[in-house]
């Protein structure tokens, strides 16, 4: 009955009357015989104003569900919400959790725009992966 899409965890629908739902970023690669079995609804991307509201909802949910949440104000600052309107709803939760951590490390109990800045990796520890040796002249085996 209750369904929550993993891509937008803070959005729940009543799915008790639905047989099948499919999502796609593009219909181009879906074969016509399969596509003909669906009622297609195109849902536009949220506006910046809508994303700001979504950011405030995600903020409240994280704050409510976390044991440390009461250390932060009940509502997200409007300036921060407007700044977040540049992100996709899918990115909001992850960046907000990181921002809570950044604010806490600074000893603050309020999120600020700078808490959402992308910081390069701040360690000299060896890295692994395809790009680990991109800036190094020595190759390392792991």
N, C-alpha and C. Protein backbone atom coordinates (compact mmCIF):
# COMPACT_ATOMS: atom_id res chain seq x y z
N UNK A 1 0.81 -1.19 0.00
CA UNK A 1 0.00 0.00 0.00
C UNK A 1 0.86 1.26 0.00
N UNK A 2 1.88 1.28 0.82
CA UNK A 2 2.76 2.44 0.89
C UNK A 2 4.02 2.15 0.08
N UNK A 3 4.33 3.06 -0.85
CA UNK A 3 5.51 2.87 -1.70
C UNK A 3 6.36 4.12 -1.64
N UNK A 4 7.66 3.93 -1.45
CA UNK A 4 8.61 5.03 -1.43
C UNK A 4 9.71 4.72 -2.43
N UNK A 5 9.83 5.55 -3.46
CA UNK A 5 10.86 5.37 -4.49
C UNK A 5 12.23 5.63 -3.88
N UNK A 6 13.18 4.75 -4.12
CA UNK A 6 14.52 4.90 -3.55
C UNK A 6 15.25 6.14 -4.05
N UNK A 7 14.88 6.64 -5.23
CA UNK A 7 15.56 7.82 -5.75
C UNK A 7 15.12 9.09 -5.06
N UNK A 8 13.91 9.10 -4.49
CA UNK A 8 13.42 10.25 -3.73
C UNK A 8 12.78 9.70 -2.46
N UNK A 9 13.58 9.43 -1.46
CA UNK A 9 13.15 8.74 -0.25
C UNK A 9 12.07 9.47 0.53
N UNK A 10 11.94 10.76 0.33
CA UNK A 10 11.01 11.54 1.12
C UNK A 10 9.66 11.73 0.42
N UNK A 11 9.41 10.93 -0.59
CA UNK A 11 8.16 11.03 -1.34
C UNK A 11 7.50 9.67 -1.32
N UNK A 12 6.33 9.58 -0.71
CA UNK A 12 5.63 8.31 -0.56
C UNK A 12 4.26 8.40 -1.25
N UNK A 13 3.86 7.30 -1.90
CA UNK A 13 2.55 7.28 -2.55
C UNK A 13 1.76 6.07 -2.07
N UNK A 14 0.44 6.15 -2.24
CA UNK A 14 -0.45 5.02 -1.98
C UNK A 14 -0.52 4.22 -3.27
N UNK A 15 0.08 3.05 -3.29
CA UNK A 15 0.17 2.24 -4.51
C UNK A 15 -0.80 1.05 -4.48
N UNK A 16 -1.82 1.12 -3.64
CA UNK A 16 -2.72 -0.02 -3.48
C UNK A 16 -3.57 -0.30 -4.72
N UNK A 17 -3.75 0.67 -5.62
CA UNK A 17 -4.58 0.47 -6.81
C UNK A 17 -3.75 0.42 -8.10
N UNK A 18 -2.46 0.27 -7.97
CA UNK A 18 -1.58 0.29 -9.14
C UNK A 18 -1.08 -1.11 -9.43
N UNK A 19 -1.14 -1.50 -10.71
CA UNK A 19 -0.62 -2.80 -11.11
C UNK A 19 0.87 -2.73 -11.40
N UNK A 20 1.27 -1.80 -12.25
CA UNK A 20 2.67 -1.69 -12.65
C UNK A 20 3.02 -0.23 -12.85
N UNK A 21 4.23 0.12 -12.44
CA UNK A 21 4.78 1.44 -12.72
C UNK A 21 6.17 1.23 -13.28
N UNK A 22 6.49 1.97 -14.32
CA UNK A 22 7.84 1.94 -14.87
C UNK A 22 8.30 3.37 -15.05
N UNK A 23 9.58 3.60 -14.87
CA UNK A 23 10.12 4.94 -15.09
C UNK A 23 11.26 4.86 -16.09
N UNK A 24 11.44 5.94 -16.80
CA UNK A 24 12.52 6.01 -17.79
C UNK A 24 12.91 7.46 -17.98
N UNK A 25 14.19 7.69 -18.18
CA UNK A 25 14.65 9.04 -18.50
C UNK A 25 14.37 9.38 -19.96
N UNK A 26 14.24 8.34 -20.78
CA UNK A 26 13.97 8.52 -22.20
C UNK A 26 13.14 7.34 -22.68
N UNK A 27 12.23 7.60 -23.61
CA UNK A 27 11.42 6.53 -24.20
C UNK A 27 12.06 5.97 -25.46
N UNK A 28 13.14 6.55 -25.90
CA UNK A 28 13.75 6.19 -27.19
C UNK A 28 14.15 4.73 -27.31
N UNK A 29 14.63 4.12 -26.25
CA UNK A 29 15.13 2.75 -26.33
C UNK A 29 14.12 1.69 -25.87
N UNK A 30 12.90 2.11 -25.62
CA UNK A 30 11.86 1.16 -25.22
C UNK A 30 11.15 0.68 -26.48
N UNK A 31 11.13 -0.63 -26.72
CA UNK A 31 10.48 -1.15 -27.94
C UNK A 31 9.00 -0.73 -28.00
N UNK A 32 8.55 -0.40 -29.19
CA UNK A 32 7.17 0.07 -29.39
C UNK A 32 6.12 -0.90 -28.84
N UNK A 33 6.26 -2.23 -29.05
CA UNK A 33 5.24 -3.14 -28.50
C UNK A 33 5.13 -3.07 -26.96
N UNK A 34 6.22 -2.83 -26.29
CA UNK A 34 6.17 -2.70 -24.82
C UNK A 34 5.61 -1.34 -24.44
N UNK A 35 6.06 -0.31 -25.12
CA UNK A 35 5.60 1.05 -24.83
C UNK A 35 4.10 1.19 -25.03
N UNK A 36 3.54 0.45 -26.00
CA UNK A 36 2.10 0.54 -26.28
C UNK A 36 1.24 0.01 -25.13
N UNK A 37 1.83 -0.74 -24.21
CA UNK A 37 1.08 -1.30 -23.09
C UNK A 37 1.00 -0.33 -21.89
N UNK A 38 1.68 0.79 -22.01
CA UNK A 38 1.73 1.75 -20.90
C UNK A 38 0.93 3.01 -21.21
N UNK A 39 0.41 3.61 -20.17
CA UNK A 39 -0.07 4.98 -20.23
C UNK A 39 1.14 5.83 -19.84
N UNK A 40 1.60 6.66 -20.76
CA UNK A 40 2.82 7.42 -20.52
C UNK A 40 2.46 8.80 -19.98
N UNK A 41 3.06 9.15 -18.86
CA UNK A 41 2.89 10.46 -18.26
C UNK A 41 4.27 11.10 -18.19
N UNK A 42 4.41 12.26 -18.81
CA UNK A 42 5.68 12.97 -18.74
C UNK A 42 5.61 13.93 -17.57
N UNK A 43 6.55 13.78 -16.66
CA UNK A 43 6.59 14.61 -15.46
C UNK A 43 7.77 15.55 -15.60
N UNK A 44 7.50 16.84 -15.63
CA UNK A 44 8.61 17.79 -15.80
C UNK A 44 9.49 17.82 -14.55
N UNK A 45 10.72 18.23 -14.74
CA UNK A 45 11.64 18.40 -13.62
C UNK A 45 11.08 19.48 -12.70
N UNK A 46 11.33 19.34 -11.40
CA UNK A 46 10.83 20.38 -10.48
C UNK A 46 11.50 21.73 -10.74
N UNK A 47 10.76 22.78 -10.48
CA UNK A 47 11.31 24.13 -10.61
C UNK A 47 12.25 24.39 -9.44
N UNK A 48 13.01 25.47 -9.52
CA UNK A 48 13.90 25.83 -8.42
C UNK A 48 13.11 26.07 -7.13
N UNK A 49 11.96 26.69 -7.24
CA UNK A 49 11.12 26.92 -6.06
C UNK A 49 10.66 25.61 -5.44
N UNK A 50 10.29 24.65 -6.28
CA UNK A 50 9.87 23.34 -5.78
C UNK A 50 11.03 22.60 -5.13
N UNK A 51 12.23 22.72 -5.72
CA UNK A 51 13.39 22.05 -5.13
C UNK A 51 13.71 22.66 -3.77
N UNK A 52 13.55 23.98 -3.62
CA UNK A 52 13.77 24.60 -2.32
C UNK A 52 12.82 24.02 -1.27
N UNK A 53 11.57 23.82 -1.66
CA UNK A 53 10.59 23.22 -0.73
C UNK A 53 10.95 21.78 -0.41
N UNK A 54 11.40 21.04 -1.42
CA UNK A 54 11.82 19.65 -1.20
C UNK A 54 13.01 19.62 -0.24
N UNK A 55 13.96 20.56 -0.41
CA UNK A 55 15.13 20.64 0.47
C UNK A 55 14.69 20.85 1.91
N UNK A 56 13.71 21.72 2.12
CA UNK A 56 13.21 21.98 3.48
C UNK A 56 12.56 20.73 4.07
N UNK A 57 11.84 19.99 3.25
CA UNK A 57 11.22 18.74 3.73
C UNK A 57 12.28 17.71 4.09
N UNK A 58 13.29 17.57 3.26
CA UNK A 58 14.36 16.61 3.53
C UNK A 58 15.10 17.02 4.80
N UNK A 59 15.37 18.30 4.97
CA UNK A 59 16.04 18.81 6.16
C UNK A 59 15.26 18.40 7.41
N UNK A 60 13.95 18.67 7.40
CA UNK A 60 13.12 18.34 8.57
C UNK A 60 13.11 16.84 8.85
N UNK A 61 13.07 16.04 7.78
CA UNK A 61 13.03 14.60 7.97
C UNK A 61 14.35 14.08 8.55
N UNK A 62 15.48 14.54 8.01
CA UNK A 62 16.78 14.12 8.55
C UNK A 62 16.89 14.54 10.01
N UNK A 63 16.51 15.78 10.29
CA UNK A 63 16.58 16.31 11.65
C UNK A 63 15.72 15.50 12.61
N UNK A 64 14.51 15.14 12.20
CA UNK A 64 13.59 14.39 13.05
C UNK A 64 14.07 12.96 13.28
N UNK A 65 14.64 12.34 12.26
CA UNK A 65 15.04 10.94 12.36
C UNK A 65 16.40 10.73 13.02
N UNK A 66 17.15 11.81 13.25
CA UNK A 66 18.50 11.67 13.79
C UNK A 66 18.53 12.03 15.27
N UNK A 67 19.30 11.27 16.04
CA UNK A 67 19.39 11.53 17.48
C UNK A 67 19.99 12.91 17.76
N UNK A 68 20.80 13.43 16.87
CA UNK A 68 21.43 14.73 17.04
C UNK A 68 20.61 15.85 16.41
N UNK A 69 19.49 15.52 15.80
CA UNK A 69 18.71 16.50 15.05
C UNK A 69 18.24 17.69 15.86
N UNK A 70 17.93 17.48 17.13
CA UNK A 70 17.43 18.59 17.94
C UNK A 70 18.48 19.66 18.20
N UNK A 71 19.74 19.37 17.87
CA UNK A 71 20.80 20.37 18.01
C UNK A 71 20.70 21.44 16.94
N UNK A 72 19.97 21.17 15.88
CA UNK A 72 19.84 22.10 14.76
C UNK A 72 18.45 22.73 14.77
N UNK A 73 18.32 23.94 14.19
CA UNK A 73 17.00 24.60 14.15
C UNK A 73 15.96 23.73 13.46
N UNK A 74 14.71 23.96 13.78
CA UNK A 74 13.62 23.16 13.23
C UNK A 74 13.48 23.31 11.72
N UNK A 75 13.77 24.50 11.20
CA UNK A 75 13.60 24.76 9.77
C UNK A 75 14.92 25.16 9.12
N UNK A 76 15.06 24.77 7.86
CA UNK A 76 16.23 25.13 7.06
C UNK A 76 16.16 26.60 6.70
N UNK A 77 17.29 27.29 6.80
CA UNK A 77 17.38 28.70 6.47
C UNK A 77 16.98 28.92 5.01
N UNK A 78 16.22 29.98 4.74
CA UNK A 78 15.74 30.27 3.38
C UNK A 78 16.90 30.49 2.39
N UNK A 79 17.96 31.14 2.84
CA UNK A 79 19.11 31.39 1.95
C UNK A 79 19.73 30.06 1.53
N UNK A 80 19.85 29.13 2.47
CA UNK A 80 20.42 27.82 2.16
C UNK A 80 19.48 27.06 1.22
N UNK A 81 18.17 27.14 1.46
CA UNK A 81 17.20 26.45 0.61
C UNK A 81 17.28 26.95 -0.82
N UNK A 82 17.43 28.25 -1.00
CA UNK A 82 17.56 28.82 -2.35
C UNK A 82 18.86 28.33 -3.00
N UNK A 83 19.94 28.29 -2.22
CA UNK A 83 21.21 27.79 -2.75
C UNK A 83 21.06 26.34 -3.23
N UNK A 84 20.31 25.54 -2.50
CA UNK A 84 20.13 24.13 -2.84
C UNK A 84 19.24 23.91 -4.05
N UNK A 85 18.53 24.95 -4.48
CA UNK A 85 17.62 24.80 -5.62
C UNK A 85 18.36 24.50 -6.92
N UNK A 86 19.69 24.57 -6.89
CA UNK A 86 20.49 24.25 -8.08
C UNK A 86 20.75 22.75 -8.18
N UNK A 87 20.48 22.02 -7.11
CA UNK A 87 20.73 20.58 -7.10
C UNK A 87 19.49 19.82 -7.57
N UNK A 88 19.69 18.57 -7.92
CA UNK A 88 18.55 17.72 -8.25
C UNK A 88 18.01 17.14 -6.95
N UNK A 89 16.73 16.80 -6.90
CA UNK A 89 16.19 16.18 -5.69
C UNK A 89 16.98 14.94 -5.28
N UNK A 90 17.52 14.23 -6.24
CA UNK A 90 18.27 13.01 -5.95
C UNK A 90 19.55 13.31 -5.17
N UNK A 91 20.16 14.46 -5.42
CA UNK A 91 21.41 14.83 -4.76
C UNK A 91 21.21 15.44 -3.38
N UNK A 92 20.02 15.97 -3.12
CA UNK A 92 19.79 16.77 -1.92
C UNK A 92 20.11 16.04 -0.62
N UNK A 93 19.58 14.86 -0.43
CA UNK A 93 19.74 14.16 0.84
C UNK A 93 21.22 13.92 1.17
N UNK A 94 21.95 13.41 0.18
CA UNK A 94 23.36 13.10 0.41
C UNK A 94 24.14 14.37 0.74
N UNK A 95 23.93 15.44 -0.01
CA UNK A 95 24.67 16.66 0.25
C UNK A 95 24.26 17.28 1.59
N UNK A 96 23.00 17.11 1.97
CA UNK A 96 22.55 17.67 3.24
C UNK A 96 23.16 16.93 4.43
N UNK A 97 23.26 15.61 4.33
CA UNK A 97 23.89 14.84 5.41
C UNK A 97 25.34 15.28 5.56
N UNK A 98 26.04 15.45 4.44
CA UNK A 98 27.43 15.93 4.50
C UNK A 98 27.50 17.33 5.12
N UNK A 99 26.53 18.17 4.80
CA UNK A 99 26.51 19.54 5.34
C UNK A 99 26.28 19.54 6.84
N UNK A 100 25.40 18.66 7.32
CA UNK A 100 25.21 18.55 8.78
C UNK A 100 26.55 18.22 9.44
N UNK A 101 27.30 17.29 8.84
CA UNK A 101 28.60 16.91 9.38
C UNK A 101 29.59 18.08 9.34
N UNK A 102 29.59 18.83 8.24
CA UNK A 102 30.50 19.97 8.10
C UNK A 102 30.19 21.03 9.16
N UNK A 103 28.91 21.30 9.37
CA UNK A 103 28.53 22.29 10.39
C UNK A 103 28.94 21.82 11.78
N UNK A 104 28.72 20.54 12.07
CA UNK A 104 29.08 20.00 13.39
C UNK A 104 30.60 20.08 13.60
N UNK A 105 31.39 19.77 12.56
CA UNK A 105 32.85 19.85 12.68
C UNK A 105 33.30 21.28 12.97
N UNK A 106 32.55 22.26 12.48
CA UNK A 106 32.87 23.67 12.72
C UNK A 106 32.31 24.16 14.05
N UNK A 107 31.60 23.28 14.77
CA UNK A 107 31.03 23.66 16.06
C UNK A 107 29.77 24.50 15.93
N UNK A 108 29.14 24.46 14.75
CA UNK A 108 27.91 25.23 14.54
C UNK A 108 26.69 24.34 14.64
N UNK A 109 25.59 24.93 14.99
CA UNK A 109 24.32 24.21 15.08
C UNK A 109 23.32 24.77 14.06
N UNK A 110 23.85 25.18 12.92
CA UNK A 110 23.02 25.72 11.85
C UNK A 110 23.74 25.50 10.54
N UNK A 111 23.01 25.06 9.51
CA UNK A 111 23.62 24.86 8.20
C UNK A 111 23.79 26.20 7.50
N UNK A 112 24.93 26.35 6.82
CA UNK A 112 25.21 27.54 6.04
C UNK A 112 25.57 27.11 4.62
N UNK A 113 25.50 28.03 3.69
CA UNK A 113 25.77 27.73 2.28
C UNK A 113 27.14 27.07 2.12
N UNK A 114 28.13 27.56 2.86
CA UNK A 114 29.49 27.01 2.70
C UNK A 114 29.59 25.55 3.16
N UNK A 115 28.64 25.06 3.92
CA UNK A 115 28.64 23.64 4.33
C UNK A 115 28.39 22.72 3.14
N UNK A 116 27.89 23.27 2.05
CA UNK A 116 27.57 22.47 0.87
C UNK A 116 28.65 22.55 -0.20
N UNK A 117 29.76 23.23 0.08
CA UNK A 117 30.85 23.33 -0.88
C UNK A 117 31.49 21.97 -1.07
N UNK A 118 31.87 21.68 -2.29
CA UNK A 118 32.57 20.43 -2.60
C UNK A 118 34.05 20.63 -2.28
N UNK A 119 34.56 19.84 -1.36
CA UNK A 119 35.97 19.94 -0.99
C UNK A 119 36.73 18.78 -1.59
N UNK A 120 37.92 19.05 -2.14
CA UNK A 120 38.73 17.95 -2.65
C UNK A 120 39.16 17.06 -1.49
N UNK A 121 39.52 15.88 -1.82
CA UNK A 121 39.97 14.93 -0.82
C UNK A 121 41.11 15.54 -0.02
N UNK A 122 40.98 15.55 1.31
CA UNK A 122 41.94 16.25 2.16
C UNK A 122 42.87 15.28 2.89
N UNK A 123 43.37 14.30 2.20
CA UNK A 123 44.27 13.34 2.82
C UNK A 123 45.34 12.93 1.82
N UNK A 124 46.47 12.51 2.33
CA UNK A 124 47.53 12.04 1.46
C UNK A 124 47.59 10.53 1.44
N UNK A 125 46.56 9.87 1.99
CA UNK A 125 46.52 8.41 1.99
C UNK A 125 46.53 7.89 0.57
N UNK A 126 47.13 6.71 0.35
CA UNK A 126 47.11 6.14 -1.00
C UNK A 126 45.68 5.91 -1.46
N UNK A 127 45.44 6.11 -2.73
CA UNK A 127 44.11 5.91 -3.30
C UNK A 127 44.13 4.69 -4.19
N UNK A 128 42.97 4.10 -4.37
CA UNK A 128 42.85 2.98 -5.29
C UNK A 128 41.82 3.32 -6.34
N UNK A 129 41.83 2.61 -7.43
CA UNK A 129 40.85 2.83 -8.48
C UNK A 129 41.50 3.28 -9.77
N UNK A 130 40.68 3.50 -10.78
CA UNK A 130 41.18 3.83 -12.11
C UNK A 130 41.93 5.15 -12.16
N UNK A 131 41.52 6.12 -11.34
CA UNK A 131 42.13 7.44 -11.39
C UNK A 131 43.15 7.66 -10.28
N UNK A 132 43.46 6.62 -9.50
CA UNK A 132 44.34 6.77 -8.34
C UNK A 132 45.70 7.31 -8.72
N UNK A 133 46.24 6.90 -9.84
CA UNK A 133 47.60 7.30 -10.21
C UNK A 133 47.62 8.37 -11.30
N UNK A 134 46.50 8.99 -11.53
CA UNK A 134 46.41 9.97 -12.62
C UNK A 134 47.39 11.12 -12.41
N UNK A 135 47.58 11.59 -11.18
CA UNK A 135 48.46 12.72 -10.93
C UNK A 135 49.82 12.28 -10.39
N UNK A 136 50.11 11.05 -10.49
CA UNK A 136 51.36 10.53 -9.95
C UNK A 136 52.20 9.96 -11.08
N UNK A 137 53.53 10.07 -10.92
CA UNK A 137 54.42 9.50 -11.93
C UNK A 137 54.73 8.04 -11.63
N UNK A 138 54.48 7.63 -10.38
CA UNK A 138 54.75 6.26 -9.99
C UNK A 138 53.45 5.46 -10.00
N UNK A 139 53.50 4.27 -10.46
CA UNK A 139 52.34 3.39 -10.41
C UNK A 139 52.46 2.55 -9.15
N UNK A 140 51.37 2.26 -8.55
CA UNK A 140 51.38 1.45 -7.34
C UNK A 140 50.44 0.29 -7.55
N UNK A 141 50.81 -0.85 -7.04
CA UNK A 141 49.95 -2.03 -7.12
C UNK A 141 49.29 -2.23 -5.77
N UNK A 142 48.00 -2.52 -5.80
CA UNK A 142 47.24 -2.75 -4.56
C UNK A 142 46.65 -4.12 -4.60
